[in-house]
Amino acid sequence: MTLAVVAVLALTNTALAQGGEDLAAGGIDFTPLAKGIGAGFAGLAVIGGGPGVGRIGGAACEAVARQPEASGTIFTNMIITAGMVEGATLFAVLVGLLALFLI
């Protein structure tokens, strides 16, 4: 696996150093397609946020049902974890929007 990663990283510079084709000469511009695919993949990351927060809430409810005296600590940990999941989801939305409109 490490060898594959090293090979990809070593060959990236040569692939990126190639000259672009002249679009006026009949080349096809794949930029809009690439933007859409990138935004779509970033959008797929957003799908994981809902079930993730749902599992966090469900597990917190089960934990409070088992140990009601620890509800304050469980609630605090639940809010922090849900915030981190939502933060990652927000970053995925921002990356998708940046890929779609600015790149």
PDB file of N, CA and C in Angstrom:
ATOM      1  N   MET A   1       0.827  -1.189   0.000  1.00  0.00           N
ATOM      2  CA  MET A   1       0.000   0.000   0.000  1.00  0.00           C
ATOM      3  C   MET A   1       0.875   1.258   0.000  1.00  0.00           C
ATOM      4  N   THR A   2       1.905   1.229   0.834  1.00  0.00           N
ATOM      5  CA  THR A   2       2.790   2.388   0.922  1.00  0.00           C
ATOM      6  C   THR A   2       3.496   2.630  -0.404  1.00  0.00           C
ATOM      7  N   LEU A   3       3.884   1.545  -1.054  1.00  0.00           N
ATOM      8  CA  LEU A   3       4.555   1.679  -2.342  1.00  0.00           C
ATOM      9  C   LEU A   3       3.634   2.311  -3.382  1.00  0.00           C
ATOM     10  N   ALA A   4       2.365   1.955  -3.344  1.00  0.00           N
ATOM     11  CA  ALA A   4       1.405   2.542  -4.285  1.00  0.00           C
ATOM     12  C   ALA A   4       1.236   4.034  -4.029  1.00  0.00           C
ATOM     13  N   VAL A   5       1.175   4.421  -2.760  1.00  0.00           N
ATOM     14  CA  VAL A   5       1.030   5.838  -2.425  1.00  0.00           C
ATOM     15  C   VAL A   5       2.256   6.622  -2.875  1.00  0.00           C
ATOM     16  N   VAL A   6       3.437   6.060  -2.635  1.00  0.00           N
ATOM     17  CA  VAL A   6       4.668   6.735  -3.053  1.00  0.00           C
ATOM     18  C   VAL A   6       4.715   6.863  -4.575  1.00  0.00           C
ATOM     19  N   ALA A   7       4.296   5.819  -5.286  1.00  0.00           N
ATOM     20  CA  ALA A   7       4.300   5.876  -6.750  1.00  0.00           C
ATOM     21  C   ALA A   7       3.339   6.938  -7.268  1.00  0.00           C
ATOM     22  N   VAL A   8       2.164   7.015  -6.671  1.00  0.00           N
ATOM     23  CA  VAL A   8       1.191   8.026  -7.101  1.00  0.00           C
ATOM     24  C   VAL A   8       1.720   9.425  -6.835  1.00  0.00           C
ATOM     25  N   LEU A   9       2.289   9.634  -5.657  1.00  0.00           N
ATOM     26  CA  LEU A   9       2.817  10.960  -5.335  1.00  0.00           C
ATOM     27  C   LEU A   9       4.010  11.319  -6.215  1.00  0.00           C
ATOM     28  N   ALA A  10       4.814  10.332  -6.574  1.00  0.00           N
ATOM     29  CA  ALA A  10       5.977  10.614  -7.413  1.00  0.00           C
ATOM     30  C   ALA A  10       5.563  10.958  -8.839  1.00  0.00           C
ATOM     31  N   LEU A  11       4.481  10.364  -9.317  1.00  0.00           N
ATOM     32  CA  LEU A  11       4.055  10.598 -10.694  1.00  0.00           C
ATOM     33  C   LEU A  11       3.093  11.768 -10.834  1.00  0.00           C
ATOM     34  N   THR A  12       2.644  12.325  -9.729  1.00  0.00           N
ATOM     35  CA  THR A  12       1.690  13.429  -9.792  1.00  0.00           C
ATOM     36  C   THR A  12       2.298  14.659 -10.451  1.00  0.00           C
ATOM     37  N   ASN A  13       3.534  14.971 -10.116  1.00  0.00           N
ATOM     38  CA  ASN A  13       4.154  16.172 -10.679  1.00  0.00           C
ATOM     39  C   ASN A  13       4.289  16.076 -12.188  1.00  0.00           C
ATOM     40  N   THR A  14       4.630  14.907 -12.700  1.00  0.00           N
ATOM     41  CA  THR A  14       4.766  14.783 -14.152  1.00  0.00           C
ATOM     42  C   THR A  14       3.407  14.869 -14.837  1.00  0.00           C
ATOM     43  N   ALA A  15       2.376  14.366 -14.195  1.00  0.00           N
ATOM     44  CA  ALA A  15       1.040  14.446 -14.794  1.00  0.00           C
ATOM     45  C   ALA A  15       0.527  15.877 -14.790  1.00  0.00           C
ATOM     46  N   LEU A  16       0.809  16.605 -13.737  1.00  0.00           N
ATOM     47  CA  LEU A  16       0.331  17.977 -13.643  1.00  0.00           C
ATOM     48  C   LEU A  16       1.166  18.942 -14.473  1.00  0.00           C
ATOM     49  N   ALA A  17       2.369  18.543 -14.862  1.00  0.00           N
ATOM     50  CA  ALA A  17       3.247  19.429 -15.610  1.00  0.00           C
ATOM     51  C   ALA A  17       2.960  19.407 -17.103  1.00  0.00           C
ATOM     52  N   GLN A  18       2.079  18.535 -17.544  1.00  0.00           N
ATOM     53  CA  GLN A  18       1.778  18.463 -18.965  1.00  0.00           C
ATOM     54  C   GLN A  18       1.042  19.714 -19.406  1.00  0.00           C
ATOM     55  N   GLY A  19       1.294  20.116 -20.625  1.00  0.00           N
ATOM     56  CA  GLY A  19       0.642  21.297 -21.165  1.00  0.00           C
ATOM     57  C   GLY A  19      -0.816  21.025 -21.485  1.00  0.00           C
ATOM     58  N   GLY A  20      -1.635  22.040 -21.357  1.00  0.00           N
ATOM     59  CA  GLY A  20      -3.045  21.879 -21.665  1.00  0.00           C
ATOM     60  C   GLY A  20      -3.287  21.928 -23.165  1.00  0.00           C
ATOM     61  N   GLU A  21      -4.309  21.222 -23.592  1.00  0.00           N
ATOM     62  CA  GLU A  21      -4.658  21.249 -25.007  1.00  0.00           C
ATOM     63  C   GLU A  21      -5.403  22.544 -25.312  1.00  0.00           C
ATOM     64  N   ASP A  22      -5.250  23.001 -26.513  1.00  0.00           N
ATOM     65  CA  ASP A  22      -5.945  24.209 -26.927  1.00  0.00           C
ATOM     66  C   ASP A  22      -7.404  23.862 -27.204  1.00  0.00           C
ATOM     67  N   LEU A  23      -8.314  24.460 -26.448  1.00  0.00           N
ATOM     68  CA  LEU A  23      -9.730  24.152 -26.606  1.00  0.00           C
ATOM     69  C   LEU A  23     -10.283  24.670 -27.925  1.00  0.00           C
ATOM     70  N   ALA A  24      -9.654  25.695 -28.468  1.00  0.00           N
ATOM     71  CA  ALA A  24     -10.124  26.229 -29.745  1.00  0.00           C
ATOM     72  C   ALA A  24      -9.846  25.254 -30.889  1.00  0.00           C
ATOM     73  N   ALA A  25      -8.914  24.341 -30.682  1.00  0.00           N
ATOM     74  CA  ALA A  25      -8.561  23.382 -31.727  1.00  0.00           C
ATOM     75  C   ALA A  25      -9.482  22.164 -31.706  1.00  0.00           C
ATOM     76  N   GLY A  26     -10.547  22.204 -30.944  1.00  0.00           N
ATOM     77  CA  GLY A  26     -11.499  21.098 -30.944  1.00  0.00           C
ATOM     78  C   GLY A  26     -11.450  20.256 -29.690  1.00  0.00           C
ATOM     79  N   GLY A  27     -10.686  20.663 -28.695  1.00  0.00           N
ATOM     80  CA  GLY A  27     -10.643  19.920 -27.441  1.00  0.00           C
ATOM     81  C   GLY A  27     -11.932  20.101 -26.656  1.00  0.00           C
ATOM     82  N   ILE A  28     -12.203  19.166 -25.776  1.00  0.00           N
ATOM     83  CA  ILE A  28     -13.421  19.217 -24.968  1.00  0.00           C
ATOM     84  C   ILE A  28     -13.064  19.731 -23.579  1.00  0.00           C
ATOM     85  N   ASP A  29     -13.839  20.666 -23.085  1.00  0.00           N
ATOM     86  CA  ASP A  29     -13.619  21.228 -21.753  1.00  0.00           C
ATOM     87  C   ASP A  29     -14.406  20.403 -20.733  1.00  0.00           C
ATOM     88  N   PHE A  30     -13.676  19.681 -19.898  1.00  0.00           N
ATOM     89  CA  PHE A  30     -14.309  18.844 -18.884  1.00  0.00           C
ATOM     90  C   PHE A  30     -14.443  19.553 -17.539  1.00  0.00           C
ATOM     91  N   THR A  31     -14.168  20.841 -17.484  1.00  0.00           N
ATOM     92  CA  THR A  31     -14.223  21.564 -16.219  1.00  0.00           C
ATOM     93  C   THR A  31     -15.610  21.543 -15.582  1.00  0.00           C
ATOM     94  N   PRO A  32     -16.689  21.823 -16.303  1.00  0.00           N
ATOM     95  CA  PRO A  32     -18.008  21.765 -15.653  1.00  0.00           C
ATOM     96  C   PRO A  32     -18.358  20.368 -15.143  1.00  0.00           C
ATOM     97  N   LEU A  33     -17.966  19.348 -15.892  1.00  0.00           N
ATOM     98  CA  LEU A  33     -18.220  17.979 -15.453  1.00  0.00           C
ATOM     99  C   LEU A  33     -17.437  17.670 -14.184  1.00  0.00           C
ATOM    100  N   ALA A  34     -16.176  18.088 -14.146  1.00  0.00           N
ATOM    101  CA  ALA A  34     -15.353  17.848 -12.969  1.00  0.00           C
ATOM    102  C   ALA A  34     -15.890  18.605 -11.758  1.00  0.00           C
ATOM    103  N   LYS A  35     -16.378  19.825 -11.986  1.00  0.00           N
ATOM    104  CA  LYS A  35     -16.975  20.586 -10.882  1.00  0.00           C
ATOM    105  C   LYS A  35     -18.197  19.872 -10.324  1.00  0.00           C
ATOM    106  N   GLY A  36     -19.037  19.380 -11.199  1.00  0.00           N
ATOM    107  CA  GLY A  36     -20.237  18.673 -10.762  1.00  0.00           C
ATOM    108  C   GLY A  36     -19.917  17.398 -10.012  1.00  0.00           C
ATOM    109  N   ILE A  37     -18.933  16.655 -10.491  1.00  0.00           N
ATOM    110  CA  ILE A  37     -18.546  15.417  -9.811  1.00  0.00           C
ATOM    111  C   ILE A  37     -17.947  15.726  -8.446  1.00  0.00           C
ATOM    112  N   GLY A  38     -17.090  16.742  -8.370  1.00  0.00           N
ATOM    113  CA  GLY A  38     -16.503  17.116  -7.082  1.00  0.00           C
ATOM    114  C   GLY A  38     -17.545  17.577  -6.087  1.00  0.00           C
ATOM    115  N   ALA A  39     -18.487  18.385  -6.549  1.00  0.00           N
ATOM    116  CA  ALA A  39     -19.557  18.842  -5.662  1.00  0.00           C
ATOM    117  C   ALA A  39     -20.448  17.676  -5.245  1.00  0.00           C
ATOM    118  N   GLY A  40     -20.660  16.733  -6.151  1.00  0.00           N
ATOM    119  CA  GLY A  40     -21.463  15.558  -5.812  1.00  0.00           C
ATOM    120  C   GLY A  40     -20.800  14.700  -4.755  1.00  0.00           C
ATOM    121  N   PHE A  41     -19.493  14.490  -4.870  1.00  0.00           N
ATOM    122  CA  PHE A  41     -18.788  13.715  -3.851  1.00  0.00           C
ATOM    123  C   PHE A  41     -18.790  14.433  -2.508  1.00  0.00           C
ATOM    124  N   ALA A  42     -18.653  15.746  -2.528  1.00  0.00           N
ATOM    125  CA  ALA A  42     -18.740  16.498  -1.274  1.00  0.00           C
ATOM    126  C   ALA A  42     -20.149  16.405  -0.702  1.00  0.00           C
ATOM    127  N   GLY A  43     -21.152  16.371  -1.570  1.00  0.00           N
ATOM    128  CA  GLY A  43     -22.528  16.219  -1.111  1.00  0.00           C
ATOM    129  C   GLY A  43     -22.787  14.862  -0.494  1.00  0.00           C
ATOM    130  N   LEU A  44     -22.082  13.831  -0.967  1.00  0.00           N
ATOM    131  CA  LEU A  44     -22.235  12.511  -0.360  1.00  0.00           C
ATOM    132  C   LEU A  44     -21.774  12.509   1.094  1.00  0.00           C
ATOM    133  N   ALA A  45     -20.804  13.334   1.422  1.00  0.00           N
ATOM    134  CA  ALA A  45     -20.341  13.418   2.804  1.00  0.00           C
ATOM    135  C   ALA A  45     -21.418  13.995   3.707  1.00  0.00           C
ATOM    136  N   VAL A  46     -22.285  14.816   3.155  1.00  0.00           N
ATOM    137  CA  VAL A  46     -23.357  15.428   3.946  1.00  0.00           C
ATOM    138  C   VAL A  46     -24.367  14.375   4.385  1.00  0.00           C
ATOM    139  N   ILE A  47     -24.536  13.335   3.577  1.00  0.00           N
ATOM    140  CA  ILE A  47     -25.516  12.306   3.893  1.00  0.00           C
ATOM    141  C   ILE A  47     -25.180  11.608   5.208  1.00  0.00           C
ATOM    142  N   GLY A  48     -23.912  11.493   5.535  1.00  0.00           N
ATOM    143  CA  GLY A  48     -23.521  10.805   6.762  1.00  0.00           C
ATOM    144  C   GLY A  48     -23.810  11.572   8.029  1.00  0.00           C
ATOM    145  N   GLY A  49     -24.039  12.867   7.935  1.00  0.00           N
ATOM    146  CA  GLY A  49     -24.270  13.674   9.137  1.00  0.00           C
ATOM    147  C   GLY A  49     -25.569  13.341   9.846  1.00  0.00           C
ATOM    148  N   GLY A  50     -26.640  13.147   9.104  1.00  0.00           N
ATOM    149  CA  GLY A  50     -27.947  12.852   9.708  1.00  0.00           C
ATOM    150  C   GLY A  50     -27.966  11.554  10.492  1.00  0.00           C
ATOM    151  N   PRO A  51     -27.583  10.439   9.871  1.00  0.00           N
ATOM    152  CA  PRO A  51     -27.543   9.193  10.639  1.00  0.00           C
ATOM    153  C   PRO A  51     -26.535   9.225  11.782  1.00  0.00           C
ATOM    154  N   GLY A  52     -25.445   9.969  11.598  1.00  0.00           N
ATOM    155  CA  GLY A  52     -24.457  10.062  12.672  1.00  0.00           C
ATOM    156  C   GLY A  52     -25.019  10.735  13.909  1.00  0.00           C
ATOM    157  N   VAL A  53     -25.698  11.852  13.718  1.00  0.00           N
ATOM    158  CA  VAL A  53     -26.300  12.556  14.854  1.00  0.00           C
ATOM    159  C   VAL A  53     -27.435  11.723  15.440  1.00  0.00           C
ATOM    160  N   GLY A  54     -28.165  11.002  14.596  1.00  0.00           N
ATOM    161  CA  GLY A  54     -29.228  10.129  15.090  1.00  0.00           C
ATOM    162  C   GLY A  54     -28.696   9.027  15.985  1.00  0.00           C
ATOM    163  N   ARG A  55     -27.578   8.437  15.593  1.00  0.00           N
ATOM    164  CA  ARG A  55     -26.975   7.394  16.436  1.00  0.00           C
ATOM    165  C   ARG A  55     -26.450   7.979  17.736  1.00  0.00           C
ATOM    166  N   ILE A  56     -25.890   9.168  17.672  1.00  0.00           N
ATOM    167  CA  ILE A  56     -25.388   9.809  18.893  1.00  0.00           C
ATOM    168  C   ILE A  56     -26.534  10.045  19.864  1.00  0.00           C
ATOM    169  N   GLY A  57     -27.641  10.594  19.360  1.00  0.00           N
ATOM    170  CA  GLY A  57     -28.796  10.860  20.219  1.00  0.00           C
ATOM    171  C   GLY A  57     -29.398   9.588  20.784  1.00  0.00           C
ATOM    172  N   GLY A  58     -29.514   8.552  19.950  1.00  0.00           N
ATOM    173  CA  GLY A  58     -30.068   7.286  20.421  1.00  0.00           C
ATOM    174  C   GLY A  58     -29.198   6.638  21.484  1.00  0.00           C
ATOM    175  N   ALA A  59     -27.892   6.655  21.257  1.00  0.00           N
ATOM    176  CA  ALA A  59     -26.980   6.076  22.244  1.00  0.00           C
ATOM    177  C   ALA A  59     -27.004   6.866  23.542  1.00  0.00           C
ATOM    178  N   ALA A  60     -27.142   8.179  23.449  1.00  0.00           N
ATOM    179  CA  ALA A  60     -27.218   8.994  24.666  1.00  0.00           C
ATOM    180  C   ALA A  60     -28.496   8.691  25.440  1.00  0.00           C
ATOM    181  N   CYS A  61     -29.612   8.521  24.733  1.00  0.00           N
ATOM    182  CA  CYS A  61     -30.871   8.175  25.419  1.00  0.00           C
ATOM    183  C   CYS A  61     -30.764   6.828  26.113  1.00  0.00           C
ATOM    184  N   GLU A  62     -30.145   5.852  25.456  1.00  0.00           N
ATOM    185  CA  GLU A  62     -29.962   4.541  26.072  1.00  0.00           C
ATOM    186  C   GLU A  62     -29.050   4.629  27.289  1.00  0.00           C
ATOM    187  N   ALA A  63     -27.995   5.434  27.186  1.00  0.00           N
ATOM    188  CA  ALA A  63     -27.067   5.565  28.312  1.00  0.00           C
ATOM    189  C   ALA A  63     -27.734   6.238  29.499  1.00  0.00           C
ATOM    190  N   VAL A  64     -28.558   7.246  29.254  1.00  0.00           N
ATOM    191  CA  VAL A  64     -29.269   7.918  30.350  1.00  0.00           C
ATOM    192  C   VAL A  64     -30.293   6.970  30.960  1.00  0.00           C
ATOM    193  N   ALA A  65     -30.910   6.121  30.148  1.00  0.00           N
ATOM    194  CA  ALA A  65     -31.869   5.154  30.686  1.00  0.00           C
ATOM    195  C   ALA A  65     -31.184   4.135  31.585  1.00  0.00           C
ATOM    196  N   ARG A  66     -29.937   3.782  31.266  1.00  0.00           N
ATOM    197  CA  ARG A  66     -29.206   2.831  32.110  1.00  0.00           C
ATOM    198  C   ARG A  66     -28.667   3.490  33.367  1.00  0.00           C
ATOM    199  N   GLN A  67     -28.157   4.719  33.243  1.00  0.00           N
ATOM    200  CA  GLN A  67     -27.555   5.426  34.380  1.00  0.00           C
ATOM    201  C   GLN A  67     -28.093   6.849  34.436  1.00  0.00           C
ATOM    202  N   PRO A  68     -29.240   7.044  35.047  1.00  0.00           N
ATOM    203  CA  PRO A  68     -29.813   8.395  35.103  1.00  0.00           C
ATOM    204  C   PRO A  68     -28.951   9.391  35.879  1.00  0.00           C
ATOM    205  N   GLU A  69     -28.153   8.914  36.814  1.00  0.00           N
ATOM    206  CA  GLU A  69     -27.330   9.833  37.610  1.00  0.00           C
ATOM    207  C   GLU A  69     -26.196  10.444  36.796  1.00  0.00           C
ATOM    208  N   ALA A  70     -25.841   9.854  35.663  1.00  0.00           N
ATOM    209  CA  ALA A  70     -24.759  10.372  34.822  1.00  0.00           C
ATOM    210  C   ALA A  70     -25.296  11.162  33.633  1.00  0.00           C
ATOM    211  N   SER A  71     -26.531  11.620  33.730  1.00  0.00           N
ATOM    212  CA  SER A  71     -27.150  12.268  32.569  1.00  0.00           C
ATOM    213  C   SER A  71     -26.451  13.565  32.171  1.00  0.00           C
ATOM    214  N   GLY A  72     -25.942  14.319  33.136  1.00  0.00           N
ATOM    215  CA  GLY A  72     -25.258  15.575  32.810  1.00  0.00           C
ATOM    216  C   GLY A  72     -24.004  15.353  31.986  1.00  0.00           C
ATOM    217  N   THR A  73     -23.190  14.383  32.398  1.00  0.00           N
ATOM    218  CA  THR A  73     -21.963  14.073  31.667  1.00  0.00           C
ATOM    219  C   THR A  73     -22.277  13.504  30.290  1.00  0.00           C
ATOM    220  N   ILE A  74     -23.272  12.630  30.240  1.00  0.00           N
ATOM    221  CA  ILE A  74     -23.655  12.027  28.961  1.00  0.00           C
ATOM    222  C   ILE A  74     -24.172  13.098  28.009  1.00  0.00           C
ATOM    223  N   PHE A  75     -24.995  14.010  28.524  1.00  0.00           N
ATOM    224  CA  PHE A  75     -25.545  15.074  27.682  1.00  0.00           C
ATOM    225  C   PHE A  75     -24.435  15.974  27.146  1.00  0.00           C
ATOM    226  N   THR A  76     -23.469  16.311  28.004  1.00  0.00           N
ATOM    227  CA  THR A  76     -22.354  17.162  27.573  1.00  0.00           C
ATOM    228  C   THR A  76     -21.550  16.482  26.470  1.00  0.00           C
ATOM    229  N   ASN A  77     -21.227  15.203  26.678  1.00  0.00           N
ATOM    230  CA  ASN A  77     -20.467  14.474  25.659  1.00  0.00           C
ATOM    231  C   ASN A  77     -21.264  14.336  24.367  1.00  0.00           C
ATOM    232  N   MET A  78     -22.579  14.156  24.489  1.00  0.00           N
ATOM    233  CA  MET A  78     -23.422  14.035  23.304  1.00  0.00           C
ATOM    234  C   MET A  78     -23.407  15.335  22.499  1.00  0.00           C
ATOM    235  N   ILE A  79     -23.532  16.464  23.178  1.00  0.00           N
ATOM    236  CA  ILE A  79     -23.556  17.756  22.481  1.00  0.00           C
ATOM    237  C   ILE A  79     -22.214  18.030  21.798  1.00  0.00           C
ATOM    238  N   ILE A  80     -21.117  17.731  22.473  1.00  0.00           N
ATOM    239  CA  ILE A  80     -19.789  17.958  21.885  1.00  0.00           C
ATOM    240  C   ILE A  80     -19.595  17.082  20.652  1.00  0.00           C
ATOM    241  N   THR A  81     -19.959  15.804  20.763  1.00  0.00           N
ATOM    242  CA  THR A  81     -19.790  14.890  19.634  1.00  0.00           C
ATOM    243  C   THR A  81     -20.704  15.264  18.471  1.00  0.00           C
ATOM    244  N   ALA A  82     -21.945  15.616  18.769  1.00  0.00           N
ATOM    245  CA  ALA A  82     -22.866  16.027  17.701  1.00  0.00           C
ATOM    246  C   ALA A  82     -22.364  17.299  17.018  1.00  0.00           C
ATOM    247  N   GLY A  83     -21.791  18.206  17.791  1.00  0.00           N
ATOM    248  CA  GLY A  83     -21.221  19.422  17.203  1.00  0.00           C
ATOM    249  C   GLY A  83     -20.061  19.118  16.268  1.00  0.00           C
ATOM    250  N   MET A  84     -19.225  18.145  16.642  1.00  0.00           N
ATOM    251  CA  MET A  84     -18.112  17.780  15.767  1.00  0.00           C
ATOM    252  C   MET A  84     -18.614  17.127  14.480  1.00  0.00           C
ATOM    253  N   VAL A  85     -19.647  16.292  14.580  1.00  0.00           N
ATOM    254  CA  VAL A  85     -20.215  15.671  13.376  1.00  0.00           C
ATOM    255  C   VAL A  85     -20.830  16.738  12.479  1.00  0.00           C
ATOM    256  N   GLU A  86     -21.567  17.655  13.072  1.00  0.00           N
ATOM    257  CA  GLU A  86     -22.184  18.722  12.278  1.00  0.00           C
ATOM    258  C   GLU A  86     -21.131  19.657  11.686  1.00  0.00           C
ATOM    259  N   GLY A  87     -20.029  19.864  12.407  1.00  0.00           N
ATOM    260  CA  GLY A  87     -18.944  20.682  11.866  1.00  0.00           C
ATOM    261  C   GLY A  87     -18.330  20.051  10.630  1.00  0.00           C
ATOM    262  N   ALA A  88     -18.112  18.738  10.679  1.00  0.00           N
ATOM    263  CA  ALA A  88     -17.579  18.043   9.504  1.00  0.00           C
ATOM    264  C   ALA A  88     -18.564  18.109   8.347  1.00  0.00           C
ATOM    265  N   THR A  89     -19.854  18.009   8.656  1.00  0.00           N
ATOM    266  CA  THR A  89     -20.877  18.108   7.615  1.00  0.00           C
ATOM    267  C   THR A  89     -20.896  19.505   7.007  1.00  0.00           C
ATOM    268  N   LEU A  90     -20.745  20.518   7.840  1.00  0.00           N
ATOM    269  CA  LEU A  90     -20.711  21.888   7.338  1.00  0.00           C
ATOM    270  C   LEU A  90     -19.508  22.108   6.428  1.00  0.00           C
ATOM    271  N   PHE A  91     -18.356  21.564   6.804  1.00  0.00           N
ATOM    272  CA  PHE A  91     -17.189  21.683   5.943  1.00  0.00           C
ATOM    273  C   PHE A  91     -17.418  20.986   4.607  1.00  0.00           C
ATOM    274  N   ALA A  92     -18.111  19.856   4.615  1.00  0.00           N
ATOM    275  CA  ALA A  92     -18.414  19.163   3.359  1.00  0.00           C
ATOM    276  C   ALA A  92     -19.313  20.020   2.472  1.00  0.00           C
ATOM    277  N   VAL A  93     -20.282  20.693   3.074  1.00  0.00           N
ATOM    278  CA  VAL A  93     -21.156  21.586   2.303  1.00  0.00           C
ATOM    279  C   VAL A  93     -20.342  22.733   1.707  1.00  0.00           C
ATOM    280  N   LEU A  94     -19.464  23.321   2.504  1.00  0.00           N
ATOM    281  CA  LEU A  94     -18.646  24.430   2.008  1.00  0.00           C
ATOM    282  C   LEU A  94     -17.718  23.987   0.883  1.00  0.00           C
ATOM    283  N   VAL A  95     -17.114  22.809   1.025  1.00  0.00           N
ATOM    284  CA  VAL A  95     -16.234  22.308  -0.030  1.00  0.00           C
ATOM    285  C   VAL A  95     -17.028  22.066  -1.306  1.00  0.00           C
ATOM    286  N   GLY A  96     -18.231  21.526  -1.171  1.00  0.00           N
ATOM    287  CA  GLY A  96     -19.068  21.313  -2.348  1.00  0.00           C
ATOM    288  C   GLY A  96     -19.431  22.609  -3.040  1.00  0.00           C
ATOM    289  N   LEU A  97     -19.786  23.613  -2.254  1.00  0.00           N
ATOM    290  CA  LEU A  97     -20.127  24.911  -2.845  1.00  0.00           C
ATOM    291  C   LEU A  97     -18.912  25.573  -3.486  1.00  0.00           C
ATOM    292  N   LEU A  98     -17.755  25.475  -2.830  1.00  0.00           N
ATOM    293  CA  LEU A  98     -16.535  26.031  -3.419  1.00  0.00           C
ATOM    294  C   LEU A  98     -16.182  25.316  -4.714  1.00  0.00           C
ATOM    295  N   ALA A  99     -16.317  23.998  -4.716  1.00  0.00           N
ATOM    296  CA  ALA A  99     -16.002  23.243  -5.931  1.00  0.00           C
ATOM    297  C   ALA A  99     -16.948  23.610  -7.062  1.00  0.00           C
ATOM    298  N   LEU A 100     -18.182  23.881  -6.720  1.00  0.00           N
ATOM    299  CA  LEU A 100     -19.177  24.155  -7.751  1.00  0.00           C
ATOM    300  C   LEU A 100     -19.068  25.571  -8.311  1.00  0.00           C
ATOM    301  N   PHE A 101     -18.819  26.551  -7.445  1.00  0.00           N
ATOM    302  CA  PHE A 101     -18.908  27.940  -7.888  1.00  0.00           C
ATOM    303  C   PHE A 101     -17.576  28.667  -8.034  1.00  0.00           C
ATOM    304  N   LEU A 102     -16.557  28.311  -7.277  1.00  0.00           N
ATOM    305  CA  LEU A 102     -15.338  29.112  -7.299  1.00  0.00           C
ATOM    306  C   LEU A 102     -14.165  28.467  -8.018  1.00  0.00           C
ATOM    307  N   ILE A 103     -14.149  27.178  -8.121  1.00  0.00           N
ATOM    308  CA  ILE A 103     -12.982  26.518  -8.726  1.00  0.00           C
ATOM    309  C   ILE A 103     -13.197  26.381 -10.217  1.00  0.00           C
TER     310      ILE A 103
END
